[in-house]
Amino acid sequence: MPKINPYKISDSNPSPSSVAVELPLRRTGEAEVQRRRIKIAHIITLLELGGAQENTLYTCENLDKNKFDVLLICGKGGILDEKTKNIKTYFVKELIREINPIKDLIALVKIYKILKKEKPDIVHTHSSKAGIIGRWAAYLAKVCKIVHTFHGFGFHDYQNFLIKYIYIATERLTATITDRFIAVSHENITKGLQNKIGTKGIYSMIRSGIKLQNYQTQIDIKMKRQEFGIKNEKVVGMIACFKPQKSPLDFVSVAESICKENANTKFLLVGDGILRNKIESLISKLNLKDKIILTGWRKDVNEIIKIFDVFVLTSLFEGLPRVVIEAMASGIPVVATYIDGTREIVHEGLTGFVTQPHEIEKMAERVLRLLNNPNLCEKLTSEAKKRISEFDIDLMVKQQEELYLSLILLD
């Protein structure tokens, strides 16, 4: 007997992006069909200031409301919690970054109960912890389709071998209950397949996006520089969470090397996090207190980045760093580590400069070359701007809509 798809298409000759959807009533015993929106539940660990979090919030707010009904499940205490005012949100306080068997189990049960109550058609998870707990909760709740975005992987080459293996084994197992993976870079797909996480057929590539026009508008640069007490100095900046992955201590070391050659330079480190005390200690040790400005978390990143003469990113690993796209869209030359998704957007001598992680002197040399050569800066930024259209956040949302519809309608 052929499998019957309960999801009916109302258009006689539809495309996934243009159909209206007729779905069965949820009440048991009713064969009648009604038209309603597809319900999507997004799950993410914590709404910190970061690309995965901002993209998830933007998706929740901007999915086509005629076709989709959206809810969000996340941990509590992130800096972006306040941005959920217009989104139906469930905060699960036990959903935290750290591994905690008791809290993890409670989070699993709570998310399961929310999903049983809400009955979403699709669960879409983000980040490593929520990706595991959320997908298993969705599986136990018998959610029709389960999607996960790899904004980066929870395992990396800087981990203890046993811990890395546990992460990979967990991802492999959870892949068996996942209908579709979204990757933000081709490197993500390659890395996933190399580690036998799912099969090639369930991966889709959707770039992490930004609101391009927000970074292409003019601001009063002089006034913004005055806000940080910057006069005629050159400005080198980095925007990142202060965590080991971003290696912000390397930025401080790069600043020291640059100051030896060009004392007329200021450094802005925008962000905060668990490494702040170590950063402050290193700044003090290297006598750079009058050179490096720690701004803390800021909501005006699209304006701050405009006062940079050079943008730097010292990360050890990434999925695809949105902040590099933000710098390119703002017309700021980039020097970044040659890792994962970064290597797909920063090309040596063409759209920016790259180094290997921890190559302090080489990174400092690249920055100095840009500070001393405005024509080179113009050449790199001009080429970079030609290559960023695929990172438009509204394109990202549209591609996700098409994926959701294809999962439901073409099953």
Foldseek 3Di string as FASTA:
>chain_A
DDDDFQKDWPDPDDALLDTFIKHDDPDPPDPDIDTDAAEEEEEEEACAPALQNVLVLCLQVDFDPRHYQYAYEYADDYPCPVSCPVHHYDHQNLRHDDDDPVSLVVSLVVLLVVCLVVVGQEYEYEDQSCLLSVLVSCVVNVRNAYEYECQDAPADPVDDPVVNVVRLVSQQVSLVSHQAYEAQAPLVLVVCVVSNRHDPVRYDYAHRADALVLLQDDDDLCVLCVVVPQDPAAEEEEEDEPDVQQVCLLVLLLQLLLCVVPVRYAYEYEEYYDCVVVSVVVCVVSVCPVRYDYPYHDPVVSSNLLRHQEYETQGQEGRAGVVVLSNLSNLHAYEYECYHNPVVQDPDLQQHHYDHHPPSNVSSVRVVVSVVDVVSSNRNSVRSNVPNPSRHSVVSSSVVSSVVSCSSPVD
